[in-house]
Amino acid sequence: MPQIQLTVPEGALTVDGGVTVQNDLAAVLLKWEGAPDNEFFRSLAWAYLHQLPAGSQITAADAQPRFRVDVTVPAGALNDERRAGLVKEATEVVLAAAGLGADQALRVWVLIHEQADGTWGAGGHIFRYSDLVALAKGPKG
């Protein structure tokens, strides 16, 4: 049940990038989380696009658009290698969606939030990481 959220200033994405970035980021998240690529797990990977009004985001140096990717995953879902791969690939997706080159990578920040086991609920029930692992393995047979 991972979630990924991209916050961008309005107009910072290309037309095509604005259309595809959510699906692209959701796919990246599932890949690095190690979830099966099936309809069930794709339905659990929620992607949000938050567009800030023009002028809502600046730095002390300039007003060039910056991009924040917030990722929420169950604790234990990512090791150091998976975190690094997720950050790298999410950055590449955002840069492409904004029509920017790799030299602009520091304009994209990826913040990974690991939800403590037993604090993730859905459908009126608590889901533990072990529950998700069992779901990923499929029915016992």
N, C-alpha and C. Protein backbone atom coordinates (compact mmCIF):
# COMPACT_ATOMS: atom_id res chain seq x y z
N MET A 1 0.82 -1.19 0.00
CA MET A 1 0.00 0.00 0.00
C MET A 1 0.86 1.25 0.00
N PRO A 2 1.80 1.30 -0.91
CA PRO A 2 2.66 2.48 -0.95
C PRO A 2 1.93 3.67 -1.55
N GLN A 3 2.41 4.85 -1.20
CA GLN A 3 1.86 6.08 -1.78
C GLN A 3 3.03 6.96 -2.20
N ILE A 4 2.81 7.68 -3.29
CA ILE A 4 3.83 8.60 -3.76
C ILE A 4 3.13 9.90 -4.15
N GLN A 5 3.71 11.01 -3.71
CA GLN A 5 3.12 12.32 -3.96
C GLN A 5 4.16 13.25 -4.56
N LEU A 6 3.79 13.92 -5.63
CA LEU A 6 4.66 14.89 -6.27
C LEU A 6 4.05 16.27 -6.08
N THR A 7 4.82 17.17 -5.50
CA THR A 7 4.40 18.56 -5.35
C THR A 7 5.23 19.41 -6.29
N VAL A 8 4.54 20.17 -7.15
CA VAL A 8 5.21 20.99 -8.17
C VAL A 8 4.52 22.34 -8.29
N PRO A 9 5.26 23.35 -8.68
CA PRO A 9 4.60 24.61 -9.00
C PRO A 9 3.79 24.45 -10.30
N GLU A 10 2.65 25.08 -10.34
CA GLU A 10 1.80 25.05 -11.52
C GLU A 10 2.61 25.46 -12.75
N GLY A 11 2.44 24.70 -13.83
CA GLY A 11 3.12 25.00 -15.08
C GLY A 11 4.53 24.47 -15.19
N ALA A 12 5.02 23.78 -14.15
CA ALA A 12 6.40 23.28 -14.17
C ALA A 12 6.57 22.00 -14.97
N LEU A 13 5.49 21.29 -15.22
CA LEU A 13 5.56 20.05 -15.99
C LEU A 13 5.18 20.32 -17.45
N THR A 14 5.73 19.53 -18.35
CA THR A 14 5.31 19.61 -19.75
C THR A 14 3.89 19.07 -19.84
N VAL A 15 3.22 19.32 -20.95
CA VAL A 15 1.86 18.80 -21.13
C VAL A 15 1.87 17.28 -21.02
N ASP A 16 2.77 16.62 -21.75
CA ASP A 16 2.84 15.16 -21.69
C ASP A 16 3.25 14.69 -20.30
N GLY A 17 4.21 15.38 -19.69
CA GLY A 17 4.67 15.00 -18.36
C GLY A 17 3.56 15.07 -17.34
N GLY A 18 2.72 16.07 -17.44
CA GLY A 18 1.60 16.20 -16.52
C GLY A 18 0.60 15.06 -16.63
N VAL A 19 0.53 14.48 -17.82
CA VAL A 19 -0.39 13.37 -18.07
C VAL A 19 0.17 12.05 -17.55
N THR A 20 1.47 11.84 -17.68
CA THR A 20 2.06 10.53 -17.41
C THR A 20 2.79 10.40 -16.08
N VAL A 21 3.14 11.50 -15.44
CA VAL A 21 4.04 11.44 -14.28
C VAL A 21 3.50 10.60 -13.13
N GLN A 22 2.21 10.64 -12.86
CA GLN A 22 1.67 9.87 -11.75
C GLN A 22 1.80 8.37 -11.98
N ASN A 23 1.42 7.91 -13.16
CA ASN A 23 1.56 6.48 -13.47
C ASN A 23 3.02 6.06 -13.47
N ASP A 24 3.88 6.91 -14.01
CA ASP A 24 5.31 6.59 -14.06
C ASP A 24 5.89 6.49 -12.65
N LEU A 25 5.54 7.42 -11.78
CA LEU A 25 6.06 7.37 -10.41
C LEU A 25 5.51 6.17 -9.65
N ALA A 26 4.24 5.84 -9.84
CA ALA A 26 3.66 4.67 -9.17
C ALA A 26 4.39 3.39 -9.60
N ALA A 27 4.70 3.28 -10.89
CA ALA A 27 5.42 2.10 -11.39
C ALA A 27 6.82 2.02 -10.79
N VAL A 28 7.49 3.15 -10.69
CA VAL A 28 8.83 3.19 -10.08
C VAL A 28 8.75 2.74 -8.63
N LEU A 29 7.76 3.23 -7.92
CA LEU A 29 7.62 2.87 -6.51
C LEU A 29 7.41 1.36 -6.35
N LEU A 30 6.50 0.79 -7.11
CA LEU A 30 6.25 -0.65 -7.02
C LEU A 30 7.50 -1.46 -7.37
N LYS A 31 8.21 -1.02 -8.39
CA LYS A 31 9.43 -1.71 -8.80
C LYS A 31 10.43 -1.78 -7.65
N TRP A 32 10.72 -0.64 -7.03
CA TRP A 32 11.76 -0.60 -6.00
C TRP A 32 11.27 -1.16 -4.67
N GLU A 33 9.97 -1.19 -4.47
CA GLU A 33 9.45 -1.82 -3.27
C GLU A 33 9.48 -3.34 -3.41
N GLY A 34 9.58 -3.81 -4.65
CA GLY A 34 9.64 -5.25 -4.89
C GLY A 34 8.26 -5.90 -4.93
N ALA A 35 7.24 -5.12 -5.15
CA ALA A 35 5.87 -5.65 -5.21
C ALA A 35 5.65 -6.34 -6.55
N PRO A 36 4.80 -7.35 -6.57
CA PRO A 36 4.47 -8.00 -7.85
C PRO A 36 3.83 -7.00 -8.80
N ASP A 37 4.11 -7.15 -10.09
CA ASP A 37 3.50 -6.28 -11.09
C ASP A 37 2.19 -6.91 -11.53
N ASN A 38 1.16 -6.69 -10.72
CA ASN A 38 -0.16 -7.21 -11.06
C ASN A 38 -1.21 -6.16 -10.73
N GLU A 39 -2.42 -6.41 -11.18
CA GLU A 39 -3.50 -5.43 -11.02
C GLU A 39 -3.76 -5.11 -9.55
N PHE A 40 -3.72 -6.11 -8.69
CA PHE A 40 -4.00 -5.90 -7.27
C PHE A 40 -3.00 -4.92 -6.66
N PHE A 41 -1.71 -5.15 -6.85
CA PHE A 41 -0.72 -4.27 -6.24
C PHE A 41 -0.68 -2.90 -6.93
N ARG A 42 -0.94 -2.86 -8.23
CA ARG A 42 -1.03 -1.55 -8.89
C ARG A 42 -2.18 -0.74 -8.31
N SER A 43 -3.27 -1.41 -7.91
CA SER A 43 -4.42 -0.69 -7.34
C SER A 43 -4.10 -0.14 -5.95
N LEU A 44 -3.08 -0.66 -5.29
CA LEU A 44 -2.69 -0.19 -3.96
C LEU A 44 -1.66 0.93 -4.00
N ALA A 45 -1.05 1.14 -5.14
CA ALA A 45 -0.01 2.17 -5.27
C ALA A 45 -0.66 3.48 -5.70
N TRP A 46 -0.94 4.30 -4.73
CA TRP A 46 -1.61 5.58 -5.01
C TRP A 46 -0.59 6.64 -5.34
N ALA A 47 -0.90 7.45 -6.33
CA ALA A 47 -0.01 8.55 -6.73
C ALA A 47 -0.82 9.84 -6.76
N TYR A 48 -0.27 10.85 -6.12
CA TYR A 48 -0.92 12.16 -6.05
C TYR A 48 -0.05 13.18 -6.77
N LEU A 49 -0.70 14.13 -7.39
CA LEU A 49 -0.01 15.27 -7.99
C LEU A 49 -0.59 16.53 -7.37
N HIS A 50 0.25 17.24 -6.62
CA HIS A 50 -0.16 18.49 -5.98
C HIS A 50 0.50 19.63 -6.75
N GLN A 51 -0.32 20.48 -7.36
CA GLN A 51 0.22 21.62 -8.09
C GLN A 51 -0.03 22.89 -7.28
N LEU A 52 1.04 23.54 -6.93
CA LEU A 52 0.97 24.78 -6.16
C LEU A 52 0.69 25.96 -7.08
N PRO A 53 -0.05 26.94 -6.63
CA PRO A 53 -0.25 28.13 -7.45
C PRO A 53 1.08 28.79 -7.79
N ALA A 54 1.15 29.41 -8.94
CA ALA A 54 2.37 30.12 -9.36
C ALA A 54 2.84 31.05 -8.25
N GLY A 55 4.13 31.05 -8.00
CA GLY A 55 4.71 31.92 -6.98
C GLY A 55 4.67 31.36 -5.57
N SER A 56 4.09 30.17 -5.38
CA SER A 56 3.98 29.59 -4.04
C SER A 56 5.26 28.95 -3.55
N GLN A 57 6.19 28.69 -4.43
CA GLN A 57 7.42 27.99 -4.05
C GLN A 57 8.60 28.71 -4.67
N ILE A 58 9.55 29.10 -3.84
CA ILE A 58 10.80 29.70 -4.31
C ILE A 58 11.92 29.22 -3.40
N THR A 59 13.13 29.55 -3.73
CA THR A 59 14.25 29.36 -2.81
C THR A 59 14.79 30.74 -2.49
N ALA A 60 15.73 30.79 -1.57
CA ALA A 60 16.36 32.07 -1.26
C ALA A 60 17.18 32.57 -2.44
N ALA A 61 17.52 31.67 -3.38
CA ALA A 61 18.37 32.03 -4.51
C ALA A 61 17.58 32.46 -5.75
N ASP A 62 16.45 31.79 -6.00
CA ASP A 62 15.72 32.08 -7.25
C ASP A 62 14.30 31.53 -7.18
N ALA A 63 13.57 31.72 -8.24
CA ALA A 63 12.19 31.25 -8.32
C ALA A 63 12.03 30.09 -9.31
N GLN A 64 13.13 29.45 -9.68
CA GLN A 64 13.04 28.28 -10.57
C GLN A 64 12.26 27.18 -9.86
N PRO A 65 11.44 26.44 -10.60
CA PRO A 65 10.62 25.41 -9.95
C PRO A 65 11.47 24.32 -9.30
N ARG A 66 11.02 23.89 -8.14
CA ARG A 66 11.60 22.76 -7.42
C ARG A 66 10.50 21.72 -7.29
N PHE A 67 10.90 20.49 -7.09
CA PHE A 67 9.97 19.36 -7.11
C PHE A 67 10.20 18.52 -5.86
N ARG A 68 9.13 18.22 -5.13
CA ARG A 68 9.24 17.39 -3.94
C ARG A 68 8.43 16.11 -4.15
N VAL A 69 9.11 14.99 -3.98
CA VAL A 69 8.46 13.68 -4.08
C VAL A 69 8.43 13.10 -2.67
N ASP A 70 7.24 12.87 -2.15
CA ASP A 70 7.07 12.23 -0.85
C ASP A 70 6.59 10.80 -1.07
N VAL A 71 7.34 9.87 -0.52
CA VAL A 71 7.05 8.45 -0.67
C VAL A 71 6.72 7.89 0.71
N THR A 72 5.62 7.17 0.83
CA THR A 72 5.26 6.52 2.08
C THR A 72 5.17 5.02 1.82
N VAL A 73 5.97 4.28 2.57
CA VAL A 73 6.01 2.82 2.44
C VAL A 73 6.01 2.20 3.84
N PRO A 74 5.60 0.94 3.94
CA PRO A 74 5.70 0.27 5.23
C PRO A 74 7.17 0.11 5.63
N ALA A 75 7.45 0.29 6.91
CA ALA A 75 8.80 0.06 7.40
C ALA A 75 9.22 -1.37 7.05
N GLY A 76 10.43 -1.51 6.56
CA GLY A 76 10.94 -2.83 6.17
C GLY A 76 10.82 -3.12 4.68
N ALA A 77 10.07 -2.30 3.97
CA ALA A 77 9.86 -2.55 2.54
C ALA A 77 11.08 -2.18 1.70
N LEU A 78 11.91 -1.25 2.19
CA LEU A 78 13.05 -0.77 1.41
C LEU A 78 14.35 -0.95 2.19
N ASN A 79 15.35 -1.50 1.53
CA ASN A 79 16.69 -1.50 2.10
C ASN A 79 17.46 -0.34 1.48
N ASP A 80 18.72 -0.18 1.83
CA ASP A 80 19.49 0.95 1.31
C ASP A 80 19.57 0.95 -0.21
N GLU A 81 19.77 -0.21 -0.81
CA GLU A 81 19.86 -0.30 -2.28
C GLU A 81 18.54 0.10 -2.93
N ARG A 82 17.44 -0.37 -2.38
CA ARG A 82 16.12 -0.03 -2.94
C ARG A 82 15.81 1.46 -2.76
N ARG A 83 16.18 2.02 -1.61
CA ARG A 83 15.97 3.46 -1.40
C ARG A 83 16.75 4.26 -2.45
N ALA A 84 18.00 3.89 -2.64
CA ALA A 84 18.84 4.61 -3.60
C ALA A 84 18.28 4.49 -5.02
N GLY A 85 17.84 3.31 -5.40
CA GLY A 85 17.26 3.12 -6.73
C GLY A 85 15.97 3.91 -6.90
N LEU A 86 15.15 3.91 -5.87
CA LEU A 86 13.90 4.67 -5.90
C LEU A 86 14.16 6.16 -6.06
N VAL A 87 15.09 6.69 -5.28
CA VAL A 87 15.42 8.12 -5.36
C VAL A 87 15.94 8.47 -6.74
N LYS A 88 16.85 7.66 -7.25
CA LYS A 88 17.45 7.93 -8.56
C LYS A 88 16.39 7.91 -9.67
N GLU A 89 15.59 6.85 -9.69
CA GLU A 89 14.63 6.71 -10.78
C GLU A 89 13.46 7.70 -10.66
N ALA A 90 13.01 7.98 -9.45
CA ALA A 90 11.94 8.98 -9.27
C ALA A 90 12.43 10.35 -9.73
N THR A 91 13.68 10.66 -9.43
CA THR A 91 14.26 11.93 -9.88
C THR A 91 14.28 12.00 -11.40
N GLU A 92 14.68 10.92 -12.04
CA GLU A 92 14.72 10.87 -13.51
C GLU A 92 13.32 11.06 -14.11
N VAL A 93 12.32 10.44 -13.51
CA VAL A 93 10.94 10.56 -13.99
C VAL A 93 10.47 12.01 -13.89
N VAL A 94 10.73 12.64 -12.76
CA VAL A 94 10.29 14.03 -12.56
C VAL A 94 11.01 14.97 -13.53
N LEU A 95 12.31 14.79 -13.68
CA LEU A 95 13.05 15.64 -14.61
C LEU A 95 12.49 15.50 -16.03
N ALA A 96 12.23 14.27 -16.45
CA ALA A 96 11.67 14.05 -17.78
C ALA A 96 10.29 14.70 -17.91
N ALA A 97 9.46 14.57 -16.87
CA ALA A 97 8.12 15.15 -16.91
C ALA A 97 8.16 16.67 -16.97
N ALA A 98 9.24 17.26 -16.47
CA ALA A 98 9.39 18.71 -16.49
C ALA A 98 10.20 19.20 -17.69
N GLY A 99 10.69 18.26 -18.50
CA GLY A 99 11.50 18.64 -19.66
C GLY A 99 12.87 19.17 -19.27
N LEU A 100 13.40 18.68 -18.15
CA LEU A 100 14.70 19.13 -17.65
C LEU A 100 15.75 18.03 -17.79
N GLY A 101 17.00 18.44 -17.88
CA GLY A 101 18.10 17.50 -18.00
C GLY A 101 18.64 17.05 -16.65
N ALA A 102 19.51 16.06 -16.69
CA ALA A 102 20.10 15.50 -15.48
C ALA A 102 20.89 16.53 -14.69
N ASP A 103 21.36 17.58 -15.36
CA ASP A 103 22.11 18.62 -14.66
C ASP A 103 21.23 19.42 -13.70
N GLN A 104 19.92 19.20 -13.75
CA GLN A 104 18.98 19.90 -12.87
C GLN A 104 18.48 19.01 -11.72
N ALA A 105 19.16 17.89 -11.49
CA ALA A 105 18.70 16.88 -10.53
C ALA A 105 18.54 17.43 -9.11
N LEU A 106 19.32 18.41 -8.72
CA LEU A 106 19.19 18.95 -7.36
C LEU A 106 17.92 19.76 -7.15
N ARG A 107 17.16 19.94 -8.22
CA ARG A 107 15.86 20.60 -8.09
C ARG A 107 14.77 19.62 -7.69
N VAL A 108 15.12 18.34 -7.62
CA VAL A 108 14.17 17.29 -7.23
C VAL A 108 14.64 16.68 -5.91
N TRP A 109 13.79 16.74 -4.90
CA TRP A 109 14.08 16.11 -3.62
C TRP A 109 13.08 14.99 -3.40
N VAL A 110 13.57 13.84 -2.97
CA VAL A 110 12.73 12.68 -2.68
C VAL A 110 12.83 12.39 -1.19
N LEU A 111 11.70 12.44 -0.52
CA LEU A 111 11.64 12.20 0.92
C LEU A 111 10.90 10.89 1.17
N ILE A 112 11.58 9.95 1.78
CA ILE A 112 10.99 8.63 2.02
C ILE A 112 10.52 8.57 3.47
N HIS A 113 9.24 8.28 3.63
CA HIS A 113 8.62 8.16 4.95
C HIS A 113 8.26 6.69 5.15
N GLU A 114 8.89 6.07 6.15
CA GLU A 114 8.61 4.66 6.41
C GLU A 114 7.62 4.57 7.57
N GLN A 115 6.46 4.04 7.25
CA GLN A 115 5.36 3.94 8.22
C GLN A 115 5.64 2.76 9.16
N ALA A 116 5.66 3.03 10.45
CA ALA A 116 5.94 1.99 11.45
C ALA A 116 4.93 0.86 11.35
N ASP A 117 5.42 -0.36 11.56
CA ASP A 117 4.56 -1.54 11.49
C ASP A 117 3.41 -1.40 12.48
N GLY A 118 2.23 -1.73 12.02
CA GLY A 118 1.05 -1.65 12.87
C GLY A 118 0.35 -0.30 12.86
N THR A 119 0.87 0.64 12.04
CA THR A 119 0.26 1.98 11.99
C THR A 119 -0.33 2.28 10.62
N TRP A 120 -0.52 1.26 9.81
CA TRP A 120 -1.09 1.44 8.49
C TRP A 120 -2.43 0.72 8.46
N GLY A 121 -3.49 1.45 8.21
CA GLY A 121 -4.81 0.85 8.16
C GLY A 121 -5.49 1.09 6.84
N ALA A 122 -6.29 0.13 6.43
CA ALA A 122 -7.09 0.26 5.20
C ALA A 122 -8.30 -0.65 5.33
N GLY A 123 -9.40 -0.20 4.80
CA GLY A 123 -10.60 -1.01 4.84
C GLY A 123 -11.08 -1.32 6.25
N GLY A 124 -10.69 -0.46 7.20
CA GLY A 124 -11.11 -0.67 8.58
C GLY A 124 -10.24 -1.65 9.36
N HIS A 125 -9.07 -2.03 8.78
CA HIS A 125 -8.20 -3.00 9.43
C HIS A 125 -6.76 -2.51 9.41
N ILE A 126 -5.99 -2.92 10.40
CA ILE A 126 -4.55 -2.66 10.41
C ILE A 126 -3.87 -3.67 9.49
N PHE A 127 -2.98 -3.18 8.65
CA PHE A 127 -2.16 -4.05 7.81
C PHE A 127 -0.73 -3.98 8.31
N ARG A 128 -0.15 -5.10 8.57
CA ARG A 128 1.25 -5.17 8.97
C ARG A 128 2.09 -5.53 7.74
N TYR A 129 3.37 -5.25 7.82
CA TYR A 129 4.25 -5.55 6.68
C TYR A 129 4.18 -7.03 6.34
N SER A 130 4.12 -7.89 7.34
CA SER A 130 4.04 -9.33 7.09
C SER A 130 2.77 -9.68 6.31
N ASP A 131 1.68 -8.96 6.54
CA ASP A 131 0.45 -9.18 5.77
C ASP A 131 0.67 -8.87 4.29
N LEU A 132 1.39 -7.78 4.03
CA LEU A 132 1.65 -7.39 2.64
C LEU A 132 2.58 -8.38 1.95
N VAL A 133 3.59 -8.86 2.68
CA VAL A 133 4.49 -9.87 2.13
C VAL A 133 3.71 -11.13 1.76
N ALA A 134 2.81 -11.55 2.65
CA ALA A 134 1.99 -12.74 2.37
C ALA A 134 1.12 -12.50 1.14
N LEU A 135 0.53 -11.31 1.01
CA LEU A 135 -0.28 -11.00 -0.16
C LEU A 135 0.56 -11.06 -1.43
N ALA A 136 1.78 -10.57 -1.35
CA ALA A 136 2.67 -10.56 -2.52
C ALA A 136 3.03 -11.97 -2.96
N LYS A 137 3.13 -12.89 -2.01
CA LYS A 137 3.49 -14.28 -2.34
C LYS A 137 2.32 -15.04 -2.95
N GLY A 138 1.11 -14.53 -2.75
CA GLY A 138 -0.06 -15.18 -3.31
C GLY A 138 -0.60 -16.26 -2.39
N PRO A 139 -1.68 -16.90 -2.82
CA PRO A 139 -2.32 -17.92 -1.98
C PRO A 139 -1.41 -19.13 -1.80
N LYS A 140 -1.48 -19.71 -0.59
CA LYS A 140 -0.70 -20.93 -0.32
C LYS A 140 -1.39 -22.08 -1.04
N GLY A 141 -0.59 -22.92 -1.63
CA GLY A 141 -1.21 -23.99 -2.36
C GLY A 141 -0.41 -25.15 -2.35
